[in-house]
């Protein structure tokens, strides 16, 4: 059983921005940072979800911690600039960013791929993360410190057949993370990526509910359980804190050891939709 990590402070006075912070891993990270004393701004594209998430973060938050939200699409540069400004407004500085906004509109064989859905997925994952790093780094470099954590995926390192642009986009995030770390280290800014394995969120509930695909995931994991948002938040907390000041440019798997083996097999879900022939590339 995962007992998590008891929050213990250590982020008092930190200003942190979490993109994609309205739900899932982003909200889990925001909750951990708030519990440890950070001022947290969450951003995303849906205001109603952000309002609800911010309200949940305020429940039981330490005295004096500021919690805010801003509607922002990370593929829109002006929105990203505004989100960075909002997260920095209390002191004029930004200490950490979790670039969690991402996702996919593509699943199925490459030979049947919708090109526009592919482009939107690549734009969201790679361009959105690039813009977040670009403007967070401008603020941090002036101060000579800061930590940026990108959210990648096990799909970046282990092929997930029929996942379309998702794994490609996450692999792009990994390379972008290493590039940024190399460029920004001279200014004291650290950039690292987390590669989650399967995590119990609403987006993946169709798998975590059970079935052949979940069984296959578990068979590929030395620590055979579904991850939690708290598992990912614990690593994010370590990477933005003073405990990790000599760590940069790393892509760290938090996946129960899944990356030691192979990607999951989604055939049982996708074959009824696309057909066995299409899964091997044969289409009319």
C-alpha atoms as a PDB file:
ATOM      1  CA  UNK A   1       0.000   0.000   0.000  1.00  0.00           C
ATOM      2  CA  UNK A   2       1.295   3.463  -0.887  1.00  0.00           C
ATOM      3  CA  UNK A   3       1.346   5.589   2.257  1.00  0.00           C
ATOM      4  CA  UNK A   4       2.716   8.671   0.486  1.00  0.00           C
ATOM      5  CA  UNK A   5       5.019  11.245   2.063  1.00  0.00           C
ATOM      6  CA  UNK A   6       3.925  13.399   4.970  1.00  0.00           C
ATOM      7  CA  UNK A   7       4.276  17.083   4.037  1.00  0.00           C
ATOM      8  CA  UNK A   8       7.003  18.697   6.115  1.00  0.00           C
ATOM      9  CA  UNK A   9       7.295  22.294   4.954  1.00  0.00           C
ATOM     10  CA  UNK A  10      10.442  23.633   3.371  1.00  0.00           C
ATOM     11  CA  UNK A  11       8.818  25.633   0.567  1.00  0.00           C
ATOM     12  CA  UNK A  12       7.799  28.642   2.612  1.00  0.00           C
ATOM     13  CA  UNK A  13       8.060  31.796   0.501  1.00  0.00           C
ATOM     14  CA  UNK A  14       8.349  29.879  -2.788  1.00  0.00           C
ATOM     15  CA  UNK A  15       6.254  31.083  -5.708  1.00  0.00           C
ATOM     16  CA  UNK A  16       5.267  28.152  -7.926  1.00  0.00           C
ATOM     17  CA  UNK A  17       3.302  27.943 -11.180  1.00  0.00           C
ATOM     18  CA  UNK A  18       1.655  24.666 -12.182  1.00  0.00           C
ATOM     19  CA  UNK A  19       0.372  24.481 -15.752  1.00  0.00           C
ATOM     20  CA  UNK A  20      -2.403  21.964 -16.246  1.00  0.00           C
ATOM     21  CA  UNK A  21      -3.051  22.416 -12.534  1.00  0.00           C
ATOM     22  CA  UNK A  22      -6.797  22.011 -12.563  1.00  0.00           C
ATOM     23  CA  UNK A  23      -6.834  18.228 -12.290  1.00  0.00           C
ATOM     24  CA  UNK A  24      -4.814  15.036 -12.220  1.00  0.00           C
ATOM     25  CA  UNK A  25      -1.061  15.150 -11.749  1.00  0.00           C
ATOM     26  CA  UNK A  26      -0.946  18.951 -11.924  1.00  0.00           C
ATOM     27  CA  UNK A  27      -3.456  19.360  -9.110  1.00  0.00           C
ATOM     28  CA  UNK A  28      -1.690  16.678  -7.095  1.00  0.00           C
ATOM     29  CA  UNK A  29       1.590  18.584  -7.406  1.00  0.00           C
ATOM     30  CA  UNK A  30      -0.099  21.856  -6.468  1.00  0.00           C
ATOM     31  CA  UNK A  31      -1.608  20.244  -3.373  1.00  0.00           C
ATOM     32  CA  UNK A  32       1.774  18.951  -2.226  1.00  0.00           C
ATOM     33  CA  UNK A  33       3.445  22.328  -2.707  1.00  0.00           C
ATOM     34  CA  UNK A  34       0.697  24.145  -0.798  1.00  0.00           C
ATOM     35  CA  UNK A  35       0.998  21.672   2.066  1.00  0.00           C
ATOM     36  CA  UNK A  36       4.737  22.374   2.206  1.00  0.00           C
ATOM     37  CA  UNK A  37       4.211  26.136   2.389  1.00  0.00           C
ATOM     38  CA  UNK A  38       4.512  27.397  -1.199  1.00  0.00           C
ATOM     39  CA  UNK A  39       2.408  30.075  -2.832  1.00  0.00           C
ATOM     40  CA  UNK A  40       0.849  28.309  -5.819  1.00  0.00           C
ATOM     41  CA  UNK A  41      -0.781  29.527  -9.012  1.00  0.00           C
ATOM     42  CA  UNK A  42      -2.502  26.954 -11.190  1.00  0.00           C
ATOM     43  CA  UNK A  43      -3.388  27.514 -14.823  1.00  0.00           C
ATOM     44  CA  UNK A  44      -5.370  25.694 -17.477  1.00  0.00           C
ATOM     45  CA  UNK A  45      -7.922  26.263 -20.196  1.00  0.00           C
ATOM     46  CA  UNK A  46     -11.150  25.708 -18.218  1.00  0.00           C
ATOM     47  CA  UNK A  47     -12.000  28.349 -15.616  1.00  0.00           C
ATOM     48  CA  UNK A  48     -14.719  26.338 -13.865  1.00  0.00           C
ATOM     49  CA  UNK A  49     -12.297  23.501 -13.230  1.00  0.00           C
ATOM     50  CA  UNK A  50      -9.607  25.908 -12.016  1.00  0.00           C
ATOM     51  CA  UNK A  51     -12.004  27.630  -9.598  1.00  0.00           C
ATOM     52  CA  UNK A  52     -12.981  24.278  -8.082  1.00  0.00           C
ATOM     53  CA  UNK A  53      -9.362  23.156  -7.883  1.00  0.00           C
ATOM     54  CA  UNK A  54      -8.206  26.382  -6.219  1.00  0.00           C
ATOM     55  CA  UNK A  55     -11.006  26.107  -3.675  1.00  0.00           C
ATOM     56  CA  UNK A  56      -9.942  22.555  -2.836  1.00  0.00           C
ATOM     57  CA  UNK A  57      -6.344  23.723  -2.375  1.00  0.00           C
ATOM     58  CA  UNK A  58      -7.417  26.399   0.094  1.00  0.00           C
ATOM     59  CA  UNK A  59      -9.076  23.821   2.325  1.00  0.00           C
ATOM     60  CA  UNK A  60      -6.599  23.143   5.088  1.00  0.00           C
ATOM     61  CA  UNK A  61      -3.825  25.217   3.493  1.00  0.00           C
ATOM     62  CA  UNK A  62      -1.208  26.644   5.891  1.00  0.00           C
ATOM     63  CA  UNK A  63      -1.831  30.160   7.131  1.00  0.00           C
ATOM     64  CA  UNK A  64      -0.405  32.822   4.852  1.00  0.00           C
ATOM     65  CA  UNK A  65      -0.121  30.630   1.755  1.00  0.00           C
ATOM     66  CA  UNK A  66      -1.446  32.334  -1.390  1.00  0.00           C
ATOM     67  CA  UNK A  67      -3.389  30.263  -3.914  1.00  0.00           C
ATOM     68  CA  UNK A  68      -4.470  31.693  -7.259  1.00  0.00           C
ATOM     69  CA  UNK A  69      -5.577  30.562 -10.700  1.00  0.00           C
ATOM     70  CA  UNK A  70      -5.343  31.996 -14.182  1.00  0.00           C
ATOM     71  CA  UNK A  71      -6.970  30.802 -17.384  1.00  0.00           C
ATOM     72  CA  UNK A  72      -4.226  30.093 -19.911  1.00  0.00           C
ATOM     73  CA  UNK A  73      -3.642  27.998 -23.006  1.00  0.00           C
ATOM     74  CA  UNK A  74       0.051  27.082 -22.992  1.00  0.00           C
ATOM     75  CA  UNK A  75       0.156  27.085 -26.790  1.00  0.00           C
ATOM     76  CA  UNK A  76      -0.685  30.823 -26.702  1.00  0.00           C
ATOM     77  CA  UNK A  77       2.428  32.825 -25.866  1.00  0.00           C
ATOM     78  CA  UNK A  78       0.538  35.817 -24.449  1.00  0.00           C
ATOM     79  CA  UNK A  79      -1.349  33.490 -22.093  1.00  0.00           C
ATOM     80  CA  UNK A  80       1.902  31.980 -20.865  1.00  0.00           C
ATOM     81  CA  UNK A  81       3.394  35.411 -20.214  1.00  0.00           C
ATOM     82  CA  UNK A  82       0.298  36.354 -18.208  1.00  0.00           C
ATOM     83  CA  UNK A  83       0.454  33.134 -16.182  1.00  0.00           C
ATOM     84  CA  UNK A  84       4.113  33.706 -15.299  1.00  0.00           C
ATOM     85  CA  UNK A  85       3.298  37.267 -14.230  1.00  0.00           C
ATOM     86  CA  UNK A  86       0.402  36.093 -12.078  1.00  0.00           C
ATOM     87  CA  UNK A  87       2.553  33.512 -10.306  1.00  0.00           C
ATOM     88  CA  UNK A  88       5.280  36.098  -9.653  1.00  0.00           C
ATOM     89  CA  UNK A  89       3.112  38.993  -8.522  1.00  0.00           C
ATOM     90  CA  UNK A  90       3.508  38.654  -4.747  1.00  0.00           C
ATOM     91  CA  UNK A  91       7.296  39.175  -4.740  1.00  0.00           C
ATOM     92  CA  UNK A  92       8.171  39.713  -8.388  1.00  0.00           C
ATOM     93  CA  UNK A  93      10.067  36.432  -8.525  1.00  0.00           C
ATOM     94  CA  UNK A  94       9.286  32.896  -9.628  1.00  0.00           C
ATOM     95  CA  UNK A  95      10.961  29.971  -7.885  1.00  0.00           C
ATOM     96  CA  UNK A  96       9.555  26.946  -9.661  1.00  0.00           C
ATOM     97  CA  UNK A  97       7.341  25.840 -12.533  1.00  0.00           C
ATOM     98  CA  UNK A  98       5.734  22.476 -13.167  1.00  0.00           C
ATOM     99  CA  UNK A  99       4.986  22.224 -16.895  1.00  0.00           C
ATOM    100  CA  UNK A 100       2.193  19.678 -16.656  1.00  0.00           C
ATOM    101  CA  UNK A 101      -0.160  20.815 -19.424  1.00  0.00           C
ATOM    102  CA  UNK A 102      -0.263  18.121 -22.083  1.00  0.00           C
ATOM    103  CA  UNK A 103      -2.304  15.322 -23.529  1.00  0.00           C
ATOM    104  CA  UNK A 104      -3.273  13.696 -26.804  1.00  0.00           C
ATOM    105  CA  UNK A 105      -5.983  13.726 -29.422  1.00  0.00           C
ATOM    106  CA  UNK A 106      -4.492  10.743 -31.244  1.00  0.00           C
ATOM    107  CA  UNK A 107      -4.744   7.014 -30.721  1.00  0.00           C
ATOM    108  CA  UNK A 108      -4.688   4.289 -33.341  1.00  0.00           C
ATOM    109  CA  UNK A 109      -2.490   3.221 -36.259  1.00  0.00           C
ATOM    110  CA  UNK A 110      -0.173   5.734 -37.889  1.00  0.00           C
ATOM    111  CA  UNK A 111      -1.554   4.758 -41.294  1.00  0.00           C
ATOM    112  CA  UNK A 112      -4.966   6.081 -40.194  1.00  0.00           C
ATOM    113  CA  UNK A 113      -3.723   9.145 -38.315  1.00  0.00           C
ATOM    114  CA  UNK A 114      -5.673  12.408 -38.457  1.00  0.00           C
ATOM    115  CA  UNK A 115      -2.998  14.965 -39.368  1.00  0.00           C
ATOM    116  CA  UNK A 116      -4.634  17.934 -37.658  1.00  0.00           C
ATOM    117  CA  UNK A 117      -5.077  15.980 -34.423  1.00  0.00           C
ATOM    118  CA  UNK A 118      -1.398  15.004 -34.689  1.00  0.00           C
ATOM    119  CA  UNK A 119      -0.376  18.660 -35.086  1.00  0.00           C
ATOM    120  CA  UNK A 120      -2.504  19.819 -32.132  1.00  0.00           C
ATOM    121  CA  UNK A 121      -1.039  17.113 -29.915  1.00  0.00           C
ATOM    122  CA  UNK A 122       2.537  17.971 -30.851  1.00  0.00           C
ATOM    123  CA  UNK A 123       1.800  21.671 -30.382  1.00  0.00           C
ATOM    124  CA  UNK A 124       0.301  21.164 -26.930  1.00  0.00           C
ATOM    125  CA  UNK A 125       3.083  18.947 -25.622  1.00  0.00           C
ATOM    126  CA  UNK A 126       6.217  20.366 -27.232  1.00  0.00           C
ATOM    127  CA  UNK A 127       5.381  23.986 -28.101  1.00  0.00           C
ATOM    128  CA  UNK A 128       3.369  24.475 -24.905  1.00  0.00           C
ATOM    129  CA  UNK A 129       6.263  23.194 -22.807  1.00  0.00           C
ATOM    130  CA  UNK A 130       8.759  25.276 -24.784  1.00  0.00           C
ATOM    131  CA  UNK A 131       6.777  28.478 -24.196  1.00  0.00           C
ATOM    132  CA  UNK A 132       6.492  27.688 -20.490  1.00  0.00           C
ATOM    133  CA  UNK A 133      10.246  27.161 -20.218  1.00  0.00           C
ATOM    134  CA  UNK A 134      10.989  30.213 -22.362  1.00  0.00           C
ATOM    135  CA  UNK A 135       9.153  32.669 -20.154  1.00  0.00           C
ATOM    136  CA  UNK A 136       9.794  31.021 -16.799  1.00  0.00           C
ATOM    137  CA  UNK A 137      13.510  30.931 -17.587  1.00  0.00           C
ATOM    138  CA  UNK A 138      13.578  34.647 -18.442  1.00  0.00           C
ATOM    139  CA  UNK A 139      12.297  35.423 -14.957  1.00  0.00           C
ATOM    140  CA  UNK A 140      14.493  32.894 -13.170  1.00  0.00           C
ATOM    141  CA  UNK A 141      17.733  33.691 -14.995  1.00  0.00           C
ATOM    142  CA  UNK A 142      17.556  37.304 -13.846  1.00  0.00           C
ATOM    143  CA  UNK A 143      17.433  36.079 -10.254  1.00  0.00           C
ATOM    144  CA  UNK A 144      20.133  33.437 -10.738  1.00  0.00           C
ATOM    145  CA  UNK A 145      18.039  30.505  -9.522  1.00  0.00           C
ATOM    146  CA  UNK A 146      14.928  28.460 -10.137  1.00  0.00           C
ATOM    147  CA  UNK A 147      13.677  24.990 -10.968  1.00  0.00           C
ATOM    148  CA  UNK A 148      11.564  23.921 -13.936  1.00  0.00           C
ATOM    149  CA  UNK A 149      10.035  20.451 -13.957  1.00  0.00           C
ATOM    150  CA  UNK A 150       8.457  19.122 -17.128  1.00  0.00           C
ATOM    151  CA  UNK A 151       6.016  16.225 -17.140  1.00  0.00           C
ATOM    152  CA  UNK A 152       7.002  13.633 -19.724  1.00  0.00           C
ATOM    153  CA  UNK A 153       5.863   9.988 -19.784  1.00  0.00           C
ATOM    154  CA  UNK A 154       7.088   6.428 -19.895  1.00  0.00           C
ATOM    155  CA  UNK A 155       5.776   6.644 -23.478  1.00  0.00           C
ATOM    156  CA  UNK A 156       8.822   8.821 -24.243  1.00  0.00           C
ATOM    157  CA  UNK A 157      11.276   6.039 -23.419  1.00  0.00           C
ATOM    158  CA  UNK A 158       9.287   2.854 -24.107  1.00  0.00           C
ATOM    159  CA  UNK A 159       7.365   2.516 -27.362  1.00  0.00           C
ATOM    160  CA  UNK A 160       3.588   2.523 -26.880  1.00  0.00           C
ATOM    161  CA  UNK A 161       2.259   1.128 -30.142  1.00  0.00           C
ATOM    162  CA  UNK A 162      -0.732   2.962 -31.601  1.00  0.00           C
ATOM    163  CA  UNK A 163      -0.346   5.975 -29.284  1.00  0.00           C
ATOM    164  CA  UNK A 164       0.150   8.317 -32.234  1.00  0.00           C
ATOM    165  CA  UNK A 165       1.655  11.704 -31.398  1.00  0.00           C
ATOM    166  CA  UNK A 166       1.633  11.271 -27.636  1.00  0.00           C
ATOM    167  CA  UNK A 167       4.903   9.387 -27.190  1.00  0.00           C
ATOM    168  CA  UNK A 168       6.533  11.477 -29.903  1.00  0.00           C
ATOM    169  CA  UNK A 169       5.494  14.654 -28.106  1.00  0.00           C
ATOM    170  CA  UNK A 170       6.749  13.382 -24.762  1.00  0.00           C
ATOM    171  CA  UNK A 171      10.083  12.354 -26.289  1.00  0.00           C
ATOM    172  CA  UNK A 172      10.292  15.910 -27.591  1.00  0.00           C
ATOM    173  CA  UNK A 173       9.731  17.187 -24.060  1.00  0.00           C
ATOM    174  CA  UNK A 174      12.640  15.042 -22.855  1.00  0.00           C
ATOM    175  CA  UNK A 175      15.015  16.514 -25.419  1.00  0.00           C
ATOM    176  CA  UNK A 176      13.723  20.016 -24.742  1.00  0.00           C
ATOM    177  CA  UNK A 177      14.352  19.472 -21.030  1.00  0.00           C
ATOM    178  CA  UNK A 178      17.969  18.479 -21.637  1.00  0.00           C
ATOM    179  CA  UNK A 179      18.522  21.373 -24.047  1.00  0.00           C
ATOM    180  CA  UNK A 180      17.122  23.895 -21.567  1.00  0.00           C
ATOM    181  CA  UNK A 181      19.146  22.432 -18.701  1.00  0.00           C
ATOM    182  CA  UNK A 182      22.348  22.777 -20.694  1.00  0.00           C
ATOM    183  CA  UNK A 183      21.630  26.374 -21.691  1.00  0.00           C
ATOM    184  CA  UNK A 184      20.303  27.620 -18.347  1.00  0.00           C
ATOM    185  CA  UNK A 185      22.685  25.990 -15.901  1.00  0.00           C
ATOM    186  CA  UNK A 186      25.041  28.958 -16.153  1.00  0.00           C
ATOM    187  CA  UNK A 187      22.255  31.101 -14.662  1.00  0.00           C
ATOM    188  CA  UNK A 188      21.531  28.709 -11.820  1.00  0.00           C
ATOM    189  CA  UNK A 189      18.287  27.459 -13.359  1.00  0.00           C
ATOM    190  CA  UNK A 190      17.669  23.718 -13.193  1.00  0.00           C
ATOM    191  CA  UNK A 191      15.422  21.820 -15.630  1.00  0.00           C
ATOM    192  CA  UNK A 192      14.375  18.201 -15.142  1.00  0.00           C
ATOM    193  CA  UNK A 193      11.641  15.897 -16.436  1.00  0.00           C
ATOM    194  CA  UNK A 194       9.478  13.334 -14.696  1.00  0.00           C
ATOM    195  CA  UNK A 195       8.347  10.312 -16.708  1.00  0.00           C
ATOM    196  CA  UNK A 196       5.250   8.941 -14.978  1.00  0.00           C
ATOM    197  CA  UNK A 197       4.080   5.418 -15.609  1.00  0.00           C
ATOM    198  CA  UNK A 198       0.377   4.619 -15.411  1.00  0.00           C
ATOM    199  CA  UNK A 199      -1.191   6.934 -12.828  1.00  0.00           C
ATOM    200  CA  UNK A 200      -4.723   6.775 -11.478  1.00  0.00           C
ATOM    201  CA  UNK A 201      -6.351   9.890 -12.937  1.00  0.00           C
ATOM    202  CA  UNK A 202      -9.700  10.494 -14.611  1.00  0.00           C
ATOM    203  CA  UNK A 203      -8.047  10.557 -18.044  1.00  0.00           C
ATOM    204  CA  UNK A 204      -6.861   6.970 -17.757  1.00  0.00           C
ATOM    205  CA  UNK A 205      -9.805   5.604 -15.748  1.00  0.00           C
ATOM    206  CA  UNK A 206     -10.863   3.436 -18.700  1.00  0.00           C
ATOM    207  CA  UNK A 207      -7.669   1.448 -18.120  1.00  0.00           C
ATOM    208  CA  UNK A 208      -7.289   1.581 -14.339  1.00  0.00           C
ATOM    209  CA  UNK A 209     -10.867   0.296 -13.942  1.00  0.00           C
ATOM    210  CA  UNK A 210      -9.497  -3.132 -14.880  1.00  0.00           C
ATOM    211  CA  UNK A 211      -9.188  -5.474 -17.821  1.00  0.00           C
ATOM    212  CA  UNK A 212      -6.559  -6.940 -20.137  1.00  0.00           C
ATOM    213  CA  UNK A 213      -4.664  -3.682 -20.670  1.00  0.00           C
ATOM    214  CA  UNK A 214      -4.316  -3.011 -16.951  1.00  0.00           C
ATOM    215  CA  UNK A 215      -3.231  -6.614 -16.392  1.00  0.00           C
ATOM    216  CA  UNK A 216      -0.541  -6.115 -19.019  1.00  0.00           C
ATOM    217  CA  UNK A 217       0.674  -2.915 -17.369  1.00  0.00           C
ATOM    218  CA  UNK A 218       0.959  -4.677 -14.021  1.00  0.00           C
ATOM    219  CA  UNK A 219       2.802  -7.611 -15.566  1.00  0.00           C
ATOM    220  CA  UNK A 220       5.427  -5.162 -16.869  1.00  0.00           C
ATOM    221  CA  UNK A 221       6.080  -3.536 -13.495  1.00  0.00           C
ATOM    222  CA  UNK A 222       8.490  -4.848 -10.836  1.00  0.00           C
ATOM    223  CA  UNK A 223       6.473  -2.860  -8.269  1.00  0.00           C
ATOM    224  CA  UNK A 224       3.144  -4.017  -9.596  1.00  0.00           C
ATOM    225  CA  UNK A 225       0.572  -1.340  -8.802  1.00  0.00           C
ATOM    226  CA  UNK A 226      -1.008   1.684 -10.404  1.00  0.00           C
ATOM    227  CA  UNK A 227       0.720   4.940  -9.479  1.00  0.00           C
ATOM    228  CA  UNK A 228      -0.916   7.847  -7.672  1.00  0.00           C
ATOM    229  CA  UNK A 229      -0.680  11.576  -8.221  1.00  0.00           C
ATOM    230  CA  UNK A 230       1.043  11.713  -4.839  1.00  0.00           C
ATOM    231  CA  UNK A 231       3.858   9.524  -6.207  1.00  0.00           C
ATOM    232  CA  UNK A 232       4.521  12.063  -8.945  1.00  0.00           C
ATOM    233  CA  UNK A 233       4.053  15.052  -6.644  1.00  0.00           C
ATOM    234  CA  UNK A 234       6.681  13.688  -4.265  1.00  0.00           C
ATOM    235  CA  UNK A 235       9.273  13.650  -7.043  1.00  0.00           C
ATOM    236  CA  UNK A 236       8.229  17.110  -8.229  1.00  0.00           C
ATOM    237  CA  UNK A 237       8.560  18.393  -4.645  1.00  0.00           C
ATOM    238  CA  UNK A 238      12.093  16.987  -4.447  1.00  0.00           C
ATOM    239  CA  UNK A 239      13.087  18.530  -7.778  1.00  0.00           C
ATOM    240  CA  UNK A 240      11.916  22.050  -6.921  1.00  0.00           C
ATOM    241  CA  UNK A 241      13.339  22.029  -3.412  1.00  0.00           C
ATOM    242  CA  UNK A 242      16.738  22.722  -1.925  1.00  0.00           C
ATOM    243  CA  UNK A 243      17.383  18.982  -1.662  1.00  0.00           C
ATOM    244  CA  UNK A 244      18.157  18.704  -5.403  1.00  0.00           C
ATOM    245  CA  UNK A 245      20.334  21.713  -6.205  1.00  0.00           C
ATOM    246  CA  UNK A 246      22.940  19.635  -8.109  1.00  0.00           C
ATOM    247  CA  UNK A 247      20.434  17.790 -10.289  1.00  0.00           C
ATOM    248  CA  UNK A 248      19.610  19.074 -13.764  1.00  0.00           C
ATOM    249  CA  UNK A 249      18.934  17.709 -17.234  1.00  0.00           C
ATOM    250  CA  UNK A 250      17.534  14.427 -15.921  1.00  0.00           C
ATOM    251  CA  UNK A 251      14.493  12.488 -17.151  1.00  0.00           C
ATOM    252  CA  UNK A 252      13.417  10.482 -14.127  1.00  0.00           C
ATOM    253  CA  UNK A 253      11.018   7.553 -14.315  1.00  0.00           C
ATOM    254  CA  UNK A 254       8.408   7.307 -11.571  1.00  0.00           C
ATOM    255  CA  UNK A 255       6.759   4.147 -12.830  1.00  0.00           C
ATOM    256  CA  UNK A 256       7.229   1.187 -10.503  1.00  0.00           C
ATOM    257  CA  UNK A 257      10.120   0.066 -12.688  1.00  0.00           C
ATOM    258  CA  UNK A 258       7.945  -0.284 -15.810  1.00  0.00           C
ATOM    259  CA  UNK A 259      10.604   1.352 -17.979  1.00  0.00           C
ATOM    260  CA  UNK A 260      12.873  -1.653 -17.331  1.00  0.00           C
ATOM    261  CA  UNK A 261      10.611  -3.786 -19.508  1.00  0.00           C
ATOM    262  CA  UNK A 262       8.343  -2.883 -22.448  1.00  0.00           C
ATOM    263  CA  UNK A 263       5.473  -0.605 -23.279  1.00  0.00           C
ATOM    264  CA  UNK A 264       1.883  -1.755 -22.644  1.00  0.00           C
ATOM    265  CA  UNK A 265      -0.205  -3.740 -25.131  1.00  0.00           C
ATOM    266  CA  UNK A 266      -3.427  -1.917 -26.089  1.00  0.00           C
ATOM    267  CA  UNK A 267      -4.408  -4.446 -28.755  1.00  0.00           C
ATOM    268  CA  UNK A 268      -7.461  -5.697 -26.846  1.00  0.00           C
ATOM    269  CA  UNK A 269      -8.943  -2.192 -26.795  1.00  0.00           C
ATOM    270  CA  UNK A 270      -7.932  -1.029 -30.257  1.00  0.00           C
ATOM    271  CA  UNK A 271      -8.401  -4.082 -32.431  1.00  0.00           C
ATOM    272  CA  UNK A 272     -12.215  -3.995 -32.117  1.00  0.00           C
ATOM    273  CA  UNK A 273     -12.144  -0.327 -33.194  1.00  0.00           C
ATOM    274  CA  UNK A 274      -9.614  -0.363 -36.037  1.00  0.00           C
ATOM    275  CA  UNK A 275      -9.366  -4.033 -36.983  1.00  0.00           C
ATOM    276  CA  UNK A 276      -6.398  -6.376 -36.823  1.00  0.00           C
ATOM    277  CA  UNK A 277      -5.247  -5.519 -40.334  1.00  0.00           C
ATOM    278  CA  UNK A 278      -5.097  -1.782 -39.637  1.00  0.00           C
ATOM    279  CA  UNK A 279      -3.030  -2.346 -36.507  1.00  0.00           C
ATOM    280  CA  UNK A 280      -0.337  -3.874 -38.713  1.00  0.00           C
ATOM    281  CA  UNK A 281      -0.607  -1.081 -41.284  1.00  0.00           C
ATOM    282  CA  UNK A 282      -2.927  -2.595 -43.874  1.00  0.00           C
ATOM    283  CA  UNK A 283      -5.721  -0.197 -44.839  1.00  0.00           C
ATOM    284  CA  UNK A 284      -7.757   0.488 -47.971  1.00  0.00           C
END
